[in-house]
Amino acid sequence: QVQLVESGGGLVQAGGSLRLSCTSSGHTLDFNTLGWFRQSPGKEREFVAAMNWRGDIRPYGESVQGRFKISRNSAKDTVYLQMNDLKPEDTALYYCATSTLFVRRGQPLGAGDYDSWGQGTQVTVSS
């Protein structure tokens, strides 16, 4: 299995920016897709962004399209989520996850398709 640790969450005012990091360890070569999800109390876990291992496929959730960007460092042990123009509705616990499945163009994976999850990092956006 893959061990994932998120960091970078915090409190930010609306319109601000924040960058989340997810560092992986363990069997990092066993996954083919990296993803970010978020969840607020009383709401279902929502897809935010994902990318395949090569990085040429990067789907985004409709609510964050154009504002968020997923990327990875050169060592490929850390995935980032750059969040710009944050809104109060972005407030949630953000999770990174990995999947052995392949994400395809126009066919993003669902939360149930991911095998390993981090503990999450809280993002709170004030109005």
C-alpha atoms as a PDB file:
ATOM      1  CA  GLN A   1       0.000   0.000   0.000  1.00  0.00           C
ATOM      2  CA  VAL A   2       0.904   3.655  -0.368  1.00  0.00           C
ATOM      3  CA  GLN A   3       1.204   6.005   2.589  1.00  0.00           C
ATOM      4  CA  LEU A   4       0.044   9.565   1.944  1.00  0.00           C
ATOM      5  CA  VAL A   5       0.399  12.671   4.085  1.00  0.00           C
ATOM      6  CA  GLU A   6      -1.284  15.964   3.194  1.00  0.00           C
ATOM      7  CA  SER A   7      -0.138  19.373   4.351  1.00  0.00           C
ATOM      8  CA  GLY A   8      -0.598  23.043   3.555  1.00  0.00           C
ATOM      9  CA  GLY A   9      -4.153  23.571   4.725  1.00  0.00           C
ATOM     10  CA  GLY A  10      -5.200  26.541   6.780  1.00  0.00           C
ATOM     11  CA  LEU A  11      -7.385  29.612   7.010  1.00  0.00           C
ATOM     12  CA  VAL A  12      -7.516  32.009   4.084  1.00  0.00           C
ATOM     13  CA  GLN A  13      -9.783  34.860   3.030  1.00  0.00           C
ATOM     14  CA  ALA A  14     -11.978  34.627  -0.037  1.00  0.00           C
ATOM     15  CA  GLY A  15     -10.042  35.421  -3.190  1.00  0.00           C
ATOM     16  CA  GLY A  16      -6.793  34.200  -1.710  1.00  0.00           C
ATOM     17  CA  SER A  17      -4.598  31.283  -2.687  1.00  0.00           C
ATOM     18  CA  LEU A  18      -3.293  28.181  -1.007  1.00  0.00           C
ATOM     19  CA  ARG A  19      -1.128  25.266  -2.086  1.00  0.00           C
ATOM     20  CA  LEU A  20      -1.640  21.792  -0.695  1.00  0.00           C
ATOM     21  CA  SER A  21       1.030  19.116  -0.742  1.00  0.00           C
ATOM     22  CA  CYS A  22       0.756  15.356  -0.588  1.00  0.00           C
ATOM     23  CA  THR A  23       3.882  13.331   0.070  1.00  0.00           C
ATOM     24  CA  SER A  24       3.835   9.634  -0.686  1.00  0.00           C
ATOM     25  CA  SER A  25       5.884   6.694   0.518  1.00  0.00           C
ATOM     26  CA  GLY A  26       5.722   2.931   0.291  1.00  0.00           C
ATOM     27  CA  HIS A  27       4.822   1.222  -2.971  1.00  0.00           C
ATOM     28  CA  THR A  28       4.609   4.408  -4.975  1.00  0.00           C
ATOM     29  CA  LEU A  29       5.070   2.600  -8.281  1.00  0.00           C
ATOM     30  CA  ASP A  30       1.911   0.566  -7.724  1.00  0.00           C
ATOM     31  CA  PHE A  31      -0.456   3.424  -8.518  1.00  0.00           C
ATOM     32  CA  ASN A  32      -1.306   4.918 -11.896  1.00  0.00           C
ATOM     33  CA  THR A  33      -3.565   7.800 -10.901  1.00  0.00           C
ATOM     34  CA  LEU A  34      -3.217  10.575  -8.334  1.00  0.00           C
ATOM     35  CA  GLY A  35      -6.240  12.473  -7.123  1.00  0.00           C
ATOM     36  CA  TRP A  36      -7.578  15.142  -4.791  1.00  0.00           C
ATOM     37  CA  PHE A  37     -10.979  14.984  -3.128  1.00  0.00           C
ATOM     38  CA  ARG A  38     -12.712  17.129  -0.552  1.00  0.00           C
ATOM     39  CA  GLN A  39     -15.523  16.635   1.914  1.00  0.00           C
ATOM     40  CA  SER A  40     -17.553  18.932   4.145  1.00  0.00           C
ATOM     41  CA  PRO A  41     -19.835  17.842   7.011  1.00  0.00           C
ATOM     42  CA  GLY A  42     -23.130  16.549   5.659  1.00  0.00           C
ATOM     43  CA  LYS A  43     -21.898  16.436   2.074  1.00  0.00           C
ATOM     44  CA  GLU A  44     -20.610  13.658  -0.139  1.00  0.00           C
ATOM     45  CA  ARG A  45     -16.956  13.381  -0.967  1.00  0.00           C
ATOM     46  CA  GLU A  46     -16.357  15.523  -4.040  1.00  0.00           C
ATOM     47  CA  PHE A  47     -13.857  15.041  -6.828  1.00  0.00           C
ATOM     48  CA  VAL A  48     -11.449  17.952  -7.181  1.00  0.00           C
ATOM     49  CA  ALA A  49      -8.617  16.980  -9.516  1.00  0.00           C
ATOM     50  CA  ALA A  50      -6.583  14.042 -10.754  1.00  0.00           C
ATOM     51  CA  MET A  51      -3.641  13.217 -12.978  1.00  0.00           C
ATOM     52  CA  ASN A  52      -2.131  10.142 -14.531  1.00  0.00           C
ATOM     53  CA  TRP A  53       1.455   9.110 -13.906  1.00  0.00           C
ATOM     54  CA  ARG A  54       2.796  10.794 -17.019  1.00  0.00           C
ATOM     55  CA  GLY A  55       0.826  13.959 -16.337  1.00  0.00           C
ATOM     56  CA  ASP A  56      -0.783  14.396 -19.746  1.00  0.00           C
ATOM     57  CA  ILE A  57      -4.298  13.709 -18.440  1.00  0.00           C
ATOM     58  CA  ARG A  58      -5.491  16.079 -15.725  1.00  0.00           C
ATOM     59  CA  PRO A  59      -9.255  16.206 -15.229  1.00  0.00           C
ATOM     60  CA  TYR A  60     -10.807  18.701 -12.823  1.00  0.00           C
ATOM     61  CA  GLY A  61     -14.104  18.977 -11.056  1.00  0.00           C
ATOM     62  CA  GLU A  62     -16.472  21.467 -12.624  1.00  0.00           C
ATOM     63  CA  SER A  63     -16.603  23.639  -9.516  1.00  0.00           C
ATOM     64  CA  VAL A  64     -12.820  24.176  -9.470  1.00  0.00           C
ATOM     65  CA  GLN A  65     -12.094  24.261 -13.202  1.00  0.00           C
ATOM     66  CA  GLY A  66      -9.885  27.217 -14.028  1.00  0.00           C
ATOM     67  CA  ARG A  67      -9.075  27.958 -10.387  1.00  0.00           C
ATOM     68  CA  PHE A  68      -7.198  24.870  -9.198  1.00  0.00           C
ATOM     69  CA  LYS A  69      -4.203  23.121 -10.708  1.00  0.00           C
ATOM     70  CA  ILE A  70      -2.714  19.730  -9.915  1.00  0.00           C
ATOM     71  CA  SER A  71       0.999  19.085 -10.389  1.00  0.00           C
ATOM     72  CA  ARG A  72       3.862  16.884  -9.236  1.00  0.00           C
ATOM     73  CA  ASN A  73       7.484  17.445  -8.300  1.00  0.00           C
ATOM     74  CA  SER A  74      10.410  16.095 -10.313  1.00  0.00           C
ATOM     75  CA  ALA A  75      11.074  13.281  -7.850  1.00  0.00           C
ATOM     76  CA  LYS A  76       7.429  12.194  -8.272  1.00  0.00           C
ATOM     77  CA  ASP A  77       6.962  11.662  -4.561  1.00  0.00           C
ATOM     78  CA  THR A  78       4.861  14.762  -3.945  1.00  0.00           C
ATOM     79  CA  VAL A  79       1.693  15.971  -5.616  1.00  0.00           C
ATOM     80  CA  TYR A  80       0.451  19.539  -5.276  1.00  0.00           C
ATOM     81  CA  LEU A  81      -2.890  21.244  -5.506  1.00  0.00           C
ATOM     82  CA  GLN A  82      -2.588  24.942  -6.239  1.00  0.00           C
ATOM     83  CA  MET A  83      -5.836  26.653  -5.276  1.00  0.00           C
ATOM     84  CA  ASN A  84      -6.512  30.177  -6.516  1.00  0.00           C
ATOM     85  CA  ASP A  85      -9.462  32.525  -6.144  1.00  0.00           C
ATOM     86  CA  LEU A  86     -10.720  30.559  -3.176  1.00  0.00           C
ATOM     87  CA  LYS A  87     -14.371  30.796  -2.229  1.00  0.00           C
ATOM     88  CA  PRO A  88     -16.201  30.004   1.022  1.00  0.00           C
ATOM     89  CA  GLU A  89     -17.739  26.946  -0.654  1.00  0.00           C
ATOM     90  CA  ASP A  90     -14.216  25.551  -1.055  1.00  0.00           C
ATOM     91  CA  THR A  91     -14.084  25.033   2.709  1.00  0.00           C
ATOM     92  CA  ALA A  92     -13.592  21.316   3.302  1.00  0.00           C
ATOM     93  CA  LEU A  93     -11.249  18.594   4.416  1.00  0.00           C
ATOM     94  CA  TYR A  94      -9.011  17.856   1.444  1.00  0.00           C
ATOM     95  CA  TYR A  95      -7.684  14.369   0.776  1.00  0.00           C
ATOM     96  CA  CYS A  96      -5.124  13.071  -1.660  1.00  0.00           C
ATOM     97  CA  ALA A  97      -5.456   9.550  -2.963  1.00  0.00           C
ATOM     98  CA  THR A  98      -3.941   7.037  -5.355  1.00  0.00           C
ATOM     99  CA  SER A  99      -5.430   4.377  -7.572  1.00  0.00           C
ATOM    100  CA  THR A 100      -4.049   1.409  -9.458  1.00  0.00           C
ATOM    101  CA  LEU A 101      -6.621   2.117 -12.160  1.00  0.00           C
ATOM    102  CA  PHE A 102      -5.916   4.294 -15.170  1.00  0.00           C
ATOM    103  CA  VAL A 103      -7.712   7.582 -15.616  1.00  0.00           C
ATOM    104  CA  ARG A 104      -8.801   8.119 -19.203  1.00  0.00           C
ATOM    105  CA  ARG A 105      -9.638  11.249 -21.121  1.00  0.00           C
ATOM    106  CA  GLY A 106     -13.224  12.179 -20.443  1.00  0.00           C
ATOM    107  CA  GLN A 107     -13.606   9.385 -17.874  1.00  0.00           C
ATOM    108  CA  PRO A 108     -12.398  10.543 -14.437  1.00  0.00           C
ATOM    109  CA  LEU A 109     -12.288   7.994 -11.649  1.00  0.00           C
ATOM    110  CA  GLY A 110     -14.665   8.086  -8.719  1.00  0.00           C
ATOM    111  CA  ALA A 111     -13.776   8.036  -5.027  1.00  0.00           C
ATOM    112  CA  GLY A 112     -14.485   4.310  -4.869  1.00  0.00           C
ATOM    113  CA  ASP A 113     -11.768   3.646  -7.427  1.00  0.00           C
ATOM    114  CA  TYR A 114      -8.962   4.895  -5.184  1.00  0.00           C
ATOM    115  CA  ASP A 115      -7.046   2.475  -2.976  1.00  0.00           C
ATOM    116  CA  SER A 116      -4.959   4.646  -0.643  1.00  0.00           C
ATOM    117  CA  TRP A 117      -5.973   7.825   1.163  1.00  0.00           C
ATOM    118  CA  GLY A 118      -4.273  10.386   3.333  1.00  0.00           C
ATOM    119  CA  GLN A 119      -5.715  11.704   6.591  1.00  0.00           C
ATOM    120  CA  GLY A 120      -6.703  15.006   5.040  1.00  0.00           C
ATOM    121  CA  THR A 121      -5.835  18.649   5.579  1.00  0.00           C
ATOM    122  CA  GLN A 122      -8.413  21.268   6.517  1.00  0.00           C
ATOM    123  CA  VAL A 123      -8.993  24.280   4.288  1.00  0.00           C
ATOM    124  CA  THR A 124     -11.196  27.059   5.597  1.00  0.00           C
ATOM    125  CA  VAL A 125     -12.110  30.051   3.451  1.00  0.00           C
ATOM    126  CA  SER A 126     -13.660  33.056   5.162  1.00  0.00           C
ATOM    127  CA  SER A 127     -15.973  35.477   3.403  1.00  0.00           C
END
